[in-house]
Amino acid sequence: MNRKTLVLPAVIGLLAPVLAACGGTDSGSNGDAIVVGTTDAFTASKQAPAPLDPAYAYDVGTWNILRQTVQTLMIQPRGEGAPVPEAAESCAFTDSGNERYACKLREGLKFANGDAVTAEDVKYSIDRARSLKADSGVFALLSTIDTVETQGDREVIFHLKTADATFPFKLSTPVAGIVDPDIYAKDKLRDGFEVDGSGPYTLKAEVKNDELVSAVFTKNPDYKGSLKVNNDKVELRNFANADDMGTALAEGDIDLMTRTMSPQQIQKLSSDSDESVDLVDMSGLEIRYLAFNTNDPAVRSKAVRQAMAQIIDRGELVSKVYGSQAEPLYSLVPASITGHSNAFFNKYGEPSVSKAKALLEKAGITTPVKLTLHYTTDHYGSATKKEFELLQKQLNDSGLFDADIQGAPWATFRPAEQKGEYEVYGMGWFPDFPDADNYLAPFLDKDNFLGSPYANSAIRNTLIPESRRAADRLSAAGSLTDIQDIVANDVPVLPLWQGKQYIAAGDDVTGTAYALNSSSTLQLWELGRGVSG
């Protein structure tokens, strides 16, 4: 085992979430497609019939399919940093107040079907996502847009409602992806698994029983953008679990695996002497947290949520479940992001049952408090169940809670969470772009990602807008710290840990150092084949 630890620059770049799915006919050893393994699953259902429509998709897996196929005006550069033009030739604020943003498209842009990409297509795509207002909540990323204007075939001008220094980052996310008006209806989401765009690849999807069972990306010969595509074809192959995926890598059926390897598997790979496989570990911006339906009777009282924050032992959770692959997190904003503060530690200190008891007694809460912790069985890896078993034990051992746990597959878990059916539930977050705003606004602003009923007027009306006015993100620290302090006091969400990310690949696969960026964006175009060793 060759182990490589990568430390990439601290980021102010773009986007979001990691992987795609599923099998095909090419094997990892045939010298044709580079085959990437994943445990992500992709399902079209009555509740979510359009998983790959850019106006709907809003999770780590679906975004990484769209990243390969649907072009955005901006994109994160190789090696991190601020977003750079992609479908655009240039983009910039044209006023001193960060309220007018203008982009000029590259010449000769085409969709993969040969249709020309114009400024009107960009306007159509953005306005479509904003008007459809899909229940995934992804449209909220575009909430600061007032109007979109075009001038000729190549000029697009965004007029913003308020100053938003993070707007270039938002234009690098798939919700701002450019789609063909002849294929994507203005007033309806596109059901199923077909994707058409002007990105570096085209997608061929094989679907069985409303599940994507094969996803093959083929280099788009008409692609024009900032990316260098180092391969002709990549296949994403789905596995039921990390062990099966690991076996496939060992047997040469796949070339590379990433999301989601188990902690035990990563530990084994780290100590393995097999020189034919490289394990690459790098810093990541993934976080895990508990979210609360603050309207639910079980957790409506702030004291109940505060007591949970006072009891849960993040150090034990990390050491017993994830080891060196994660670290405790005391704010929604990860420690490596500008604007982070240890708000929960400042508020609650070390875990204390006696302090939690005092909080409940003062609020007149009868104990033990009965509740259920819900988690997804198939979206964040096999360790999630063990994590929730330990959270249950910590709460119940205090004598103050009578907690059950209940798991469900993502296809049913996510719609149930959005409908407010769970009082407490576990979620992960891979940032849309690595800025503190994207760890706060998606959970706390109007039309938030969680569909949370929690609303704080100071956060929504003053602090979030105030922080977005700061072009220098260091100068936003005061507003960002105030938001984190309010969250620690009200506990609409309870941060648990932030994690690293990993890739394991055959040593003849090149480009693995850049196959994931710090936001867990899968960059398949970086992969190639080289000389073994």
Protein backbone atom coordinates (compact mmCIF):
# COMPACT_ATOMS: atom_id res chain seq x y z
CA MET A 1 0.00 0.00 0.00
CA ASN A 2 1.39 3.37 -1.03
CA ARG A 3 -0.08 6.04 1.23
CA LYS A 4 -0.19 9.68 0.17
CA THR A 5 -1.33 12.49 2.41
CA LEU A 6 -2.29 15.64 0.56
CA VAL A 7 -2.55 19.05 2.15
CA LEU A 8 -4.27 21.33 -0.31
CA PRO A 9 -4.44 25.10 0.16
CA ALA A 10 -7.15 26.51 2.40
CA VAL A 11 -10.03 27.26 0.12
CA ILE A 12 -12.28 30.06 -0.88
CA GLY A 13 -13.48 28.19 -3.88
CA LEU A 14 -16.66 26.69 -4.97
CA LEU A 15 -18.91 24.08 -4.46
CA ALA A 16 -20.33 20.97 -3.24
CA PRO A 17 -20.98 17.42 -2.65
CA VAL A 18 -19.23 13.79 -4.01
CA LEU A 19 -19.92 10.85 -6.27
CA ALA A 20 -22.05 9.20 -8.79
CA ALA A 21 -23.04 5.60 -9.48
CA CYS A 22 -23.04 2.42 -11.03
CA GLY A 23 -21.97 -0.47 -13.29
CA GLY A 24 -21.47 -1.20 -16.95
CA THR A 25 -19.76 -3.65 -19.21
CA ASP A 26 -16.19 -2.39 -19.09
CA SER A 27 -13.92 -3.84 -16.42
CA GLY A 28 -11.19 -2.08 -14.55
CA SER A 29 -8.49 -4.00 -16.37
CA ASN A 30 -9.59 -3.61 -19.98
CA GLY A 31 -7.65 -0.41 -20.68
CA ASP A 32 -10.80 1.37 -21.87
CA ALA A 33 -13.02 3.07 -19.29
CA ILE A 34 -11.55 4.05 -15.95
CA VAL A 35 -13.93 2.40 -13.49
CA VAL A 36 -14.77 4.20 -10.27
CA GLY A 37 -16.59 2.47 -7.42
CA THR A 38 -19.14 4.09 -5.14
CA THR A 39 -21.72 3.03 -2.59
CA ASP A 40 -24.04 5.89 -3.56
CA ALA A 41 -27.44 4.84 -4.89
CA PHE A 42 -29.66 6.84 -7.25
CA THR A 43 -33.40 6.26 -7.23
CA ALA A 44 -36.32 7.93 -8.98
CA SER A 45 -39.45 7.77 -6.88
CA LYS A 46 -42.90 9.27 -6.65
CA GLN A 47 -41.57 11.72 -4.08
CA ALA A 48 -38.44 12.52 -6.13
CA PRO A 49 -39.02 11.64 -9.80
CA ALA A 50 -36.34 13.99 -11.21
CA PRO A 51 -33.14 13.22 -9.28
CA LEU A 52 -30.77 14.58 -11.97
CA ASP A 53 -32.54 17.78 -12.99
CA PRO A 54 -30.21 20.69 -12.07
CA ALA A 55 -33.27 22.57 -10.78
CA TYR A 56 -33.93 19.76 -8.28
CA ALA A 57 -30.71 17.87 -7.47
CA TYR A 58 -29.20 18.80 -4.12
CA ASP A 59 -27.11 16.03 -2.64
CA VAL A 60 -23.53 14.94 -2.86
CA GLY A 61 -24.06 12.14 -5.37
CA THR A 62 -26.37 13.74 -7.90
CA TRP A 63 -24.32 16.94 -7.99
CA ASN A 64 -21.26 14.93 -8.93
CA ILE A 65 -23.06 13.45 -11.91
CA LEU A 66 -24.09 16.94 -12.99
CA ARG A 67 -20.55 18.25 -12.49
CA GLN A 68 -19.36 16.03 -15.31
CA THR A 69 -22.14 16.83 -17.75
CA VAL A 70 -23.77 20.23 -17.19
CA GLN A 71 -21.56 23.28 -17.58
CA THR A 72 -21.65 26.27 -15.24
CA LEU A 73 -20.44 29.82 -15.82
CA MET A 74 -17.81 29.44 -13.10
CA ILE A 75 -15.85 26.49 -11.69
CA GLN A 76 -13.32 25.77 -8.97
CA PRO A 77 -9.77 25.77 -10.34
CA ARG A 78 -7.35 22.88 -10.08
CA GLY A 79 -5.72 23.16 -6.68
CA GLU A 80 -8.56 25.16 -5.08
CA GLY A 81 -8.96 28.91 -4.73
CA ALA A 82 -11.61 31.36 -5.90
CA PRO A 83 -13.83 30.19 -8.77
CA VAL A 84 -12.69 30.90 -12.32
CA PRO A 85 -14.62 31.19 -15.60
CA GLU A 86 -15.78 27.92 -17.18
CA ALA A 87 -18.57 28.35 -19.73
CA ALA A 88 -17.85 32.04 -19.32
CA GLU A 89 -14.86 33.74 -20.84
CA SER A 90 -14.93 36.32 -18.06
CA CYS A 91 -17.11 37.26 -15.07
CA ALA A 92 -16.85 40.13 -12.59
CA PHE A 93 -18.76 42.50 -10.36
CA THR A 94 -19.19 45.75 -12.27
CA ASP A 95 -20.15 47.96 -9.34
CA SER A 96 -18.60 48.81 -6.00
CA GLY A 97 -21.50 47.38 -4.02
CA ASN A 98 -21.36 43.76 -5.26
CA GLU A 99 -24.90 43.97 -6.66
CA ARG A 100 -24.27 43.76 -10.43
CA TYR A 101 -22.41 40.74 -11.83
CA ALA A 102 -21.66 40.40 -15.55
CA CYS A 103 -20.42 37.39 -17.52
CA LYS A 104 -19.35 36.96 -21.14
CA LEU A 105 -19.70 33.48 -22.65
CA ARG A 106 -16.92 31.73 -24.54
CA GLU A 107 -17.27 31.77 -28.31
CA GLY A 108 -18.59 28.67 -30.02
CA LEU A 109 -20.13 26.96 -27.01
CA LYS A 110 -22.36 24.01 -27.93
CA PHE A 111 -24.58 21.58 -26.11
CA ALA A 112 -23.57 17.98 -26.71
CA ASN A 113 -26.43 17.66 -29.25
CA GLY A 114 -24.89 20.43 -31.36
CA ASP A 115 -27.22 23.28 -30.37
CA ALA A 116 -25.45 26.58 -29.71
CA VAL A 117 -25.25 27.81 -26.11
CA THR A 118 -26.36 31.42 -25.84
CA ALA A 119 -26.84 34.03 -23.15
CA GLU A 120 -30.59 33.42 -23.41
CA ASP A 121 -29.98 29.77 -22.49
CA VAL A 122 -28.14 30.88 -19.36
CA LYS A 123 -30.97 33.22 -18.41
CA TYR A 124 -33.53 30.48 -19.14
CA SER A 125 -31.68 27.96 -16.96
CA ILE A 126 -31.29 30.30 -13.98
CA ASP A 127 -34.84 31.64 -14.18
CA ARG A 128 -36.19 28.09 -14.57
CA ALA A 129 -34.56 26.90 -11.32
CA ARG A 130 -35.77 29.99 -9.49
CA SER A 131 -39.38 29.68 -10.70
CA LEU A 132 -39.73 25.91 -10.24
CA LYS A 133 -38.76 26.21 -6.57
CA ALA A 134 -38.21 22.46 -6.19
CA ASP A 135 -38.86 21.06 -2.73
CA SER A 136 -35.19 20.05 -2.45
CA GLY A 137 -34.58 23.72 -1.60
CA VAL A 138 -31.68 24.08 -4.04
CA PHE A 139 -33.22 27.19 -5.60
CA ALA A 140 -32.39 29.09 -2.40
CA LEU A 141 -28.78 29.31 -3.59
CA LEU A 142 -30.06 31.79 -6.19
CA SER A 143 -32.16 33.79 -3.72
CA THR A 144 -30.13 36.99 -4.00
CA ILE A 145 -30.87 37.32 -7.73
CA ASP A 146 -33.41 40.00 -8.64
CA THR A 147 -33.33 39.82 -12.44
CA VAL A 148 -31.20 38.27 -15.18
CA GLU A 149 -30.51 40.38 -18.26
CA THR A 150 -28.94 39.45 -21.62
CA GLN A 151 -27.15 41.64 -24.14
CA GLY A 152 -26.61 39.89 -27.43
CA ASP A 153 -25.74 36.19 -27.61
CA ARG A 154 -22.83 36.23 -25.17
CA GLU A 155 -23.48 38.78 -22.41
CA VAL A 156 -25.34 37.89 -19.19
CA ILE A 157 -25.89 40.39 -16.39
CA PHE A 158 -27.17 39.46 -12.94
CA HIS A 159 -28.86 42.20 -10.92
CA LEU A 160 -28.86 41.23 -7.24
CA LYS A 161 -31.37 42.20 -4.56
CA THR A 162 -28.60 42.77 -2.04
CA ALA A 163 -24.82 42.69 -2.01
CA ASP A 164 -23.54 39.12 -2.21
CA ALA A 165 -19.78 38.58 -2.30
CA THR A 166 -20.39 34.83 -2.47
CA PHE A 167 -22.34 35.03 -5.73
CA PRO A 168 -19.47 33.87 -8.00
CA PHE A 169 -19.30 30.70 -5.89
CA LYS A 170 -23.02 30.09 -6.38
CA LEU A 171 -22.67 30.33 -10.15
CA SER A 172 -20.24 27.41 -9.92
CA THR A 173 -22.88 25.07 -8.46
CA PRO A 174 -25.07 22.71 -10.55
CA VAL A 175 -28.29 24.61 -9.82
CA ALA A 176 -26.77 27.29 -12.05
CA GLY A 177 -25.99 24.70 -14.74
CA ILE A 178 -26.83 25.65 -18.33
CA VAL A 179 -29.55 23.48 -19.90
CA ASP A 180 -31.11 23.37 -23.38
CA PRO A 181 -34.61 24.96 -23.43
CA ASP A 182 -35.61 22.48 -26.14
CA ILE A 183 -35.04 19.58 -23.71
CA TYR A 184 -35.76 21.01 -20.26
CA ALA A 185 -39.31 22.35 -19.95
CA LYS A 186 -39.73 25.72 -18.30
CA ASP A 187 -42.55 24.70 -15.96
CA LYS A 188 -41.74 21.05 -15.22
CA LEU A 189 -38.82 19.06 -13.86
CA ARG A 190 -37.23 16.48 -16.15
CA ASP A 191 -38.04 13.07 -14.72
CA GLY A 192 -35.65 10.13 -14.76
CA PHE A 193 -31.91 9.86 -15.29
CA GLU A 194 -31.20 11.52 -18.63
CA VAL A 195 -28.84 14.49 -18.53
CA ASP A 196 -27.92 16.81 -21.40
CA GLY A 197 -25.50 19.71 -21.21
CA SER A 198 -22.30 21.23 -22.56
CA GLY A 199 -19.91 19.82 -19.95
CA PRO A 200 -16.79 17.70 -20.45
CA TYR A 201 -18.75 14.41 -20.71
CA THR A 202 -21.96 12.96 -22.03
CA LEU A 203 -23.82 10.46 -19.88
CA LYS A 204 -25.21 7.07 -20.83
CA ALA A 205 -27.43 5.74 -18.06
CA GLU A 206 -28.81 2.25 -17.65
CA VAL A 207 -31.86 2.15 -15.41
CA LYS A 208 -33.55 -0.84 -13.79
CA ASN A 209 -36.53 -0.66 -11.44
CA ASP A 210 -36.21 3.13 -11.23
CA GLU A 211 -32.59 2.86 -10.09
CA LEU A 212 -29.49 3.94 -11.95
CA VAL A 213 -27.46 0.76 -12.34
CA SER A 214 -24.86 2.01 -14.82
CA ALA A 215 -23.44 5.46 -15.51
CA VAL A 216 -20.86 5.81 -18.26
CA PHE A 217 -19.29 9.20 -19.01
CA THR A 218 -17.82 9.67 -22.50
CA LYS A 219 -15.62 12.63 -23.42
CA ASN A 220 -17.62 15.36 -25.17
CA PRO A 221 -15.78 16.32 -28.38
CA ASP A 222 -17.61 19.66 -28.53
CA TYR A 223 -16.69 20.71 -24.99
CA LYS A 224 -15.12 24.17 -24.60
CA GLY A 225 -14.13 25.29 -21.15
CA SER A 226 -11.31 25.61 -18.65
CA LEU A 227 -10.86 21.88 -17.98
CA LYS A 228 -8.31 19.52 -19.47
CA VAL A 229 -9.97 16.12 -19.88
CA ASN A 230 -7.37 13.39 -19.38
CA ASN A 231 -9.44 10.36 -20.39
CA ASP A 232 -11.99 9.28 -22.98
CA LYS A 233 -14.39 7.38 -20.75
CA VAL A 234 -15.16 6.85 -17.07
CA GLU A 235 -17.65 4.40 -15.63
CA LEU A 236 -19.22 4.85 -12.20
CA ARG A 237 -20.16 1.52 -10.71
CA ASN A 238 -22.40 1.12 -7.69
CA PHE A 239 -21.81 -1.33 -4.84
CA ALA A 240 -24.15 -2.33 -2.05
CA ASN A 241 -21.45 -1.78 0.58
CA ALA A 242 -17.84 -0.77 1.10
CA ASP A 243 -16.62 -4.34 1.54
CA ASP A 244 -17.91 -5.39 -1.89
CA MET A 245 -16.35 -2.27 -3.39
CA GLY A 246 -13.01 -3.05 -1.73
CA THR A 247 -13.08 -6.61 -3.05
CA ALA A 248 -13.70 -5.32 -6.56
CA LEU A 249 -10.64 -3.04 -6.29
CA ALA A 250 -8.48 -5.86 -4.98
CA GLU A 251 -9.57 -8.11 -7.83
CA GLY A 252 -9.03 -5.46 -10.50
CA ASP A 253 -12.70 -5.09 -11.42
CA ILE A 254 -12.54 -1.37 -10.66
CA ASP A 255 -9.67 1.09 -10.84
CA LEU A 256 -10.56 3.47 -8.02
CA MET A 257 -12.88 3.78 -5.07
CA THR A 258 -13.87 6.64 -2.85
CA ARG A 259 -17.20 7.49 -1.22
CA THR A 260 -17.94 5.77 0.98
CA MET A 261 -15.22 3.58 2.44
CA SER A 262 -15.71 2.33 5.99
CA PRO A 263 -13.39 3.40 8.84
CA GLN A 264 -12.22 -0.19 9.24
CA GLN A 265 -11.50 -0.45 5.55
CA ILE A 266 -9.47 2.75 5.51
CA GLN A 267 -7.47 1.58 8.53
CA LYS A 268 -6.73 -1.72 6.80
CA LEU A 269 -5.72 0.00 3.57
CA SER A 270 -3.46 2.35 5.53
CA SER A 271 -1.50 -0.52 7.04
CA ASP A 272 -1.55 -2.82 4.01
CA SER A 273 1.76 -3.60 2.35
CA ASP A 274 0.23 -4.03 -1.11
CA GLU A 275 2.25 -1.68 -3.34
CA SER A 276 -0.23 -2.00 -6.23
CA VAL A 277 -2.83 0.20 -4.49
CA ASP A 278 -2.41 3.85 -3.50
CA LEU A 279 -4.44 5.31 -0.63
CA VAL A 280 -4.75 9.08 -0.87
CA ASP A 281 -6.05 10.96 2.15
CA MET A 282 -6.72 14.66 2.13
CA SER A 283 -8.41 17.31 4.19
CA GLY A 284 -12.12 17.61 3.67
CA LEU A 285 -14.97 19.91 4.54
CA GLU A 286 -17.64 17.29 5.19
CA ILE A 287 -19.55 17.75 8.45
CA ARG A 288 -22.10 15.63 10.30
CA TYR A 289 -24.78 16.99 12.60
CA LEU A 290 -28.11 16.32 14.26
CA ALA A 291 -31.04 18.41 13.08
CA PHE A 292 -34.23 19.10 14.99
CA ASN A 293 -37.81 19.66 13.96
CA THR A 294 -38.29 22.47 16.43
CA ASN A 295 -42.09 22.22 16.06
CA ASP A 296 -42.16 18.62 17.25
CA PRO A 297 -43.44 18.24 20.86
CA ALA A 298 -40.47 16.03 21.83
CA VAL A 299 -37.86 18.71 21.10
CA ARG A 300 -39.90 21.92 20.92
CA SER A 301 -38.41 23.10 24.18
CA LYS A 302 -35.00 24.67 23.71
CA ALA A 303 -33.96 23.13 27.04
CA VAL A 304 -34.28 19.60 25.61
CA ARG A 305 -32.02 20.47 22.69
CA GLN A 306 -29.56 22.24 24.99
CA ALA A 307 -29.47 19.22 27.28
CA MET A 308 -28.56 17.00 24.36
CA ALA A 309 -25.79 19.44 23.43
CA GLN A 310 -24.57 19.26 27.02
CA ILE A 311 -24.52 15.45 27.16
CA ILE A 312 -23.17 14.32 23.77
CA ASP A 313 -19.48 13.47 23.93
CA ARG A 314 -17.98 14.21 20.51
CA GLY A 315 -14.54 13.00 21.52
CA GLU A 316 -15.84 9.54 22.41
CA LEU A 317 -17.97 9.46 19.28
CA VAL A 318 -15.03 10.19 17.00
CA SER A 319 -12.52 7.93 18.74
CA LYS A 320 -14.82 4.89 18.93
CA VAL A 321 -16.39 5.16 15.48
CA TYR A 322 -14.12 7.11 13.14
CA GLY A 323 -10.70 7.29 14.76
CA SER A 324 -8.18 9.51 12.99
CA GLN A 325 -10.56 9.93 10.06
CA ALA A 326 -12.60 12.65 11.80
CA GLU A 327 -12.36 15.26 14.53
CA PRO A 328 -14.92 16.79 16.90
CA LEU A 329 -16.79 19.82 15.58
CA TYR A 330 -18.21 22.58 17.80
CA SER A 331 -19.87 24.73 15.14
CA LEU A 332 -21.59 24.26 11.81
CA VAL A 333 -18.56 25.98 10.26
CA PRO A 334 -15.53 23.65 10.02
CA ALA A 335 -12.33 24.63 11.79
CA SER A 336 -10.45 25.25 8.53
CA ILE A 337 -12.95 27.79 7.16
CA THR A 338 -12.53 31.53 7.71
CA GLY A 339 -15.11 32.67 10.27
CA HIS A 340 -15.18 29.46 12.33
CA SER A 341 -15.70 29.72 16.08
CA ASN A 342 -16.00 26.97 18.70
CA ALA A 343 -19.43 28.26 19.69
CA PHE A 344 -20.79 25.02 21.18
CA PHE A 345 -17.68 24.38 23.25
CA ASN A 346 -17.73 27.98 24.46
CA LYS A 347 -21.37 27.54 25.49
CA TYR A 348 -21.34 24.02 26.98
CA GLY A 349 -17.73 23.06 27.67
CA GLU A 350 -17.06 19.41 28.44
CA PRO A 351 -19.99 16.93 28.50
CA SER A 352 -21.86 17.12 31.83
CA VAL A 353 -24.94 15.18 32.90
CA SER A 354 -25.41 17.39 35.96
CA LYS A 355 -25.52 20.56 33.84
CA ALA A 356 -27.96 18.91 31.43
CA LYS A 357 -30.18 17.88 34.36
CA ALA A 358 -30.18 21.43 35.65
CA LEU A 359 -31.26 22.76 32.24
CA LEU A 360 -34.20 20.37 32.10
CA GLU A 361 -35.26 20.97 35.71
CA LYS A 362 -35.21 24.75 35.24
CA ALA A 363 -37.49 24.39 32.20
CA GLY A 364 -39.83 22.02 34.04
CA ILE A 365 -39.19 19.14 31.64
CA THR A 366 -40.20 15.68 32.90
CA THR A 367 -37.49 13.08 32.47
CA PRO A 368 -36.62 10.80 30.87
CA VAL A 369 -37.41 12.59 27.62
CA LYS A 370 -38.61 10.07 25.06
CA LEU A 371 -37.51 10.58 21.46
CA THR A 372 -36.24 8.77 18.36
CA LEU A 373 -33.00 9.50 16.55
CA HIS A 374 -33.39 8.85 12.81
CA TYR A 375 -30.54 8.12 10.42
CA THR A 376 -30.05 7.06 6.81
CA THR A 377 -28.75 3.53 6.33
CA ASP A 378 -27.16 3.93 2.90
CA HIS A 379 -26.10 7.52 2.25
CA TYR A 380 -23.18 8.28 4.58
CA GLY A 381 -21.56 4.89 4.92
CA SER A 382 -21.83 1.81 7.09
CA ALA A 383 -20.42 3.53 10.20
CA THR A 384 -23.56 5.66 10.56
CA LYS A 385 -25.45 2.93 12.41
CA LYS A 386 -22.62 2.50 14.93
CA GLU A 387 -22.49 6.28 15.37
CA PHE A 388 -26.19 6.43 16.24
CA GLU A 389 -25.97 3.45 18.57
CA LEU A 390 -23.31 5.35 20.52
CA LEU A 391 -25.33 8.58 20.51
CA GLN A 392 -28.30 6.60 21.86
CA LYS A 393 -26.13 5.09 24.59
CA GLN A 394 -24.72 8.46 25.66
CA LEU A 395 -28.19 9.97 25.97
CA ASN A 396 -29.77 6.98 27.72
CA ASP A 397 -26.86 6.45 30.10
CA SER A 398 -27.49 9.96 31.43
CA GLY A 399 -30.86 8.83 32.75
CA LEU A 400 -32.37 11.99 31.28
CA PHE A 401 -33.42 10.51 27.93
CA ASP A 402 -35.19 7.43 26.64
CA ALA A 403 -33.93 7.45 23.06
CA ASP A 404 -34.62 4.95 20.30
CA ILE A 405 -32.85 4.88 16.94
CA GLN A 406 -34.38 4.12 13.56
CA GLY A 407 -32.68 3.82 10.17
CA ALA A 408 -34.15 4.21 6.67
CA PRO A 409 -32.72 4.26 3.15
CA TRP A 410 -32.02 7.71 1.73
CA ALA A 411 -34.82 7.43 -0.84
CA THR A 412 -37.38 7.41 1.98
CA PHE A 413 -35.34 9.17 4.70
CA ARG A 414 -34.87 12.45 2.81
CA PRO A 415 -38.54 12.99 1.81
CA ALA A 416 -39.68 12.11 5.36
CA GLU A 417 -37.21 14.57 6.86
CA GLN A 418 -38.38 17.32 4.48
CA LYS A 419 -42.00 16.69 5.48
CA GLY A 420 -41.16 17.12 9.16
CA GLU A 421 -41.83 13.49 10.11
CA TYR A 422 -38.69 13.17 12.28
CA GLU A 423 -38.10 14.97 15.56
CA VAL A 424 -34.32 14.39 15.49
CA TYR A 425 -32.33 13.16 12.51
CA GLY A 426 -28.75 12.83 11.39
CA MET A 427 -27.47 14.61 8.31
CA GLY A 428 -24.19 15.32 6.55
CA TRP A 429 -23.15 18.36 4.57
CA PHE A 430 -20.68 18.68 1.73
CA PRO A 431 -20.50 22.40 1.02
CA ASP A 432 -21.87 23.96 -2.12
CA PHE A 433 -18.79 26.17 -1.89
CA PRO A 434 -16.19 26.44 0.88
CA ASP A 435 -17.25 29.63 2.61
CA ALA A 436 -18.75 30.02 6.08
CA ASP A 437 -21.95 31.40 4.54
CA ASN A 438 -22.62 28.00 2.98
CA TYR A 439 -22.51 26.27 6.37
CA LEU A 440 -25.02 28.70 7.86
CA ALA A 441 -27.51 30.07 5.34
CA PRO A 442 -28.60 26.63 3.96
CA PHE A 443 -29.80 25.65 7.45
CA LEU A 444 -30.94 28.97 8.88
CA ASP A 445 -32.24 31.17 6.07
CA LYS A 446 -35.69 31.22 4.52
CA ASP A 447 -36.38 28.23 2.21
CA ASN A 448 -33.55 26.34 3.92
CA PHE A 449 -32.24 22.97 2.76
CA LEU A 450 -33.71 21.12 5.73
CA GLY A 451 -37.16 22.64 5.52
CA SER A 452 -36.57 23.54 9.18
CA PRO A 453 -39.29 25.56 10.94
CA TYR A 454 -36.64 27.30 13.04
CA ALA A 455 -36.44 31.02 12.25
CA ASN A 456 -34.35 33.71 13.91
CA SER A 457 -35.02 37.20 12.61
CA ALA A 458 -31.60 38.58 13.59
CA ILE A 459 -29.86 35.83 11.61
CA ARG A 460 -32.10 36.09 8.54
CA ASN A 461 -32.68 39.82 8.32
CA THR A 462 -29.43 41.25 9.64
CA LEU A 463 -26.50 38.91 10.13
CA ILE A 464 -26.59 36.82 6.93
CA PRO A 465 -27.03 39.87 4.64
CA GLU A 466 -24.37 41.74 6.64
CA SER A 467 -21.86 38.90 6.23
CA ARG A 468 -22.47 38.72 2.47
CA ARG A 469 -21.60 42.37 1.98
CA ALA A 470 -18.00 41.66 2.99
CA ALA A 471 -15.89 41.03 -0.11
CA ASP A 472 -12.98 40.37 2.24
CA ARG A 473 -14.28 37.33 4.07
CA LEU A 474 -12.10 38.06 7.11
CA SER A 475 -14.13 41.19 7.69
CA ALA A 476 -17.31 39.09 7.88
CA ALA A 477 -16.03 37.27 10.98
CA GLY A 478 -18.03 39.38 13.44
CA SER A 479 -21.40 38.63 11.82
CA LEU A 480 -20.50 34.98 11.32
CA THR A 481 -19.48 34.57 14.96
CA ASP A 482 -22.76 36.13 16.13
CA ILE A 483 -24.71 33.63 14.00
CA GLN A 484 -22.77 30.69 15.45
CA ASP A 485 -23.35 31.92 19.00
CA ILE A 486 -27.12 32.13 18.41
CA VAL A 487 -27.12 28.60 16.97
CA ALA A 488 -25.24 27.28 20.01
CA ASN A 489 -27.83 28.85 22.29
CA ASP A 490 -30.97 27.82 20.37
CA VAL A 491 -29.66 24.45 19.03
CA PRO A 492 -31.78 24.03 15.90
CA VAL A 493 -28.88 21.86 14.76
CA LEU A 494 -26.14 20.12 16.74
CA PRO A 495 -22.75 19.75 14.99
CA LEU A 496 -20.88 16.51 15.71
CA TRP A 497 -17.73 16.08 13.62
CA GLN A 498 -15.86 16.96 10.45
CA GLY A 499 -14.06 14.36 8.39
CA LYS A 500 -11.25 13.62 6.00
CA GLN A 501 -11.77 12.16 2.56
CA TYR A 502 -10.07 9.25 0.84
CA ILE A 503 -9.37 7.69 -2.52
CA ALA A 504 -7.93 4.22 -3.08
CA ALA A 505 -6.74 3.42 -6.58
CA GLY A 506 -4.55 1.10 -8.59
CA ASP A 507 -1.10 2.63 -8.89
CA ASP A 508 -1.42 2.92 -12.68
CA VAL A 509 -4.21 5.49 -12.25
CA THR A 510 -2.98 9.07 -12.47
CA GLY A 511 -4.60 12.29 -11.27
CA THR A 512 -5.90 10.88 -7.99
CA ALA A 513 -4.48 13.85 -6.08
CA TYR A 514 -7.05 16.07 -7.82
CA ALA A 515 -9.92 13.61 -8.30
CA LEU A 516 -11.63 15.13 -5.24
CA ASN A 517 -11.39 18.74 -4.17
CA SER A 518 -11.76 19.82 -0.56
CA SER A 519 -15.54 20.15 -0.98
CA SER A 520 -15.73 16.52 -2.13
CA THR A 521 -16.42 17.49 -5.73
CA LEU A 522 -15.62 14.51 -7.92
CA GLN A 523 -13.42 15.62 -10.82
CA LEU A 524 -13.37 12.63 -13.17
CA TRP A 525 -11.58 14.61 -15.88
CA GLU A 526 -8.41 14.55 -13.78
CA LEU A 527 -8.08 10.76 -13.99
CA GLY A 528 -5.81 9.02 -16.47
CA ARG A 529 -3.65 5.95 -16.87
CA GLY A 530 0.10 5.96 -16.44
CA VAL A 531 3.01 3.70 -15.68
CA SER A 532 2.48 1.36 -12.74
CA GLY A 533 4.57 2.18 -9.68
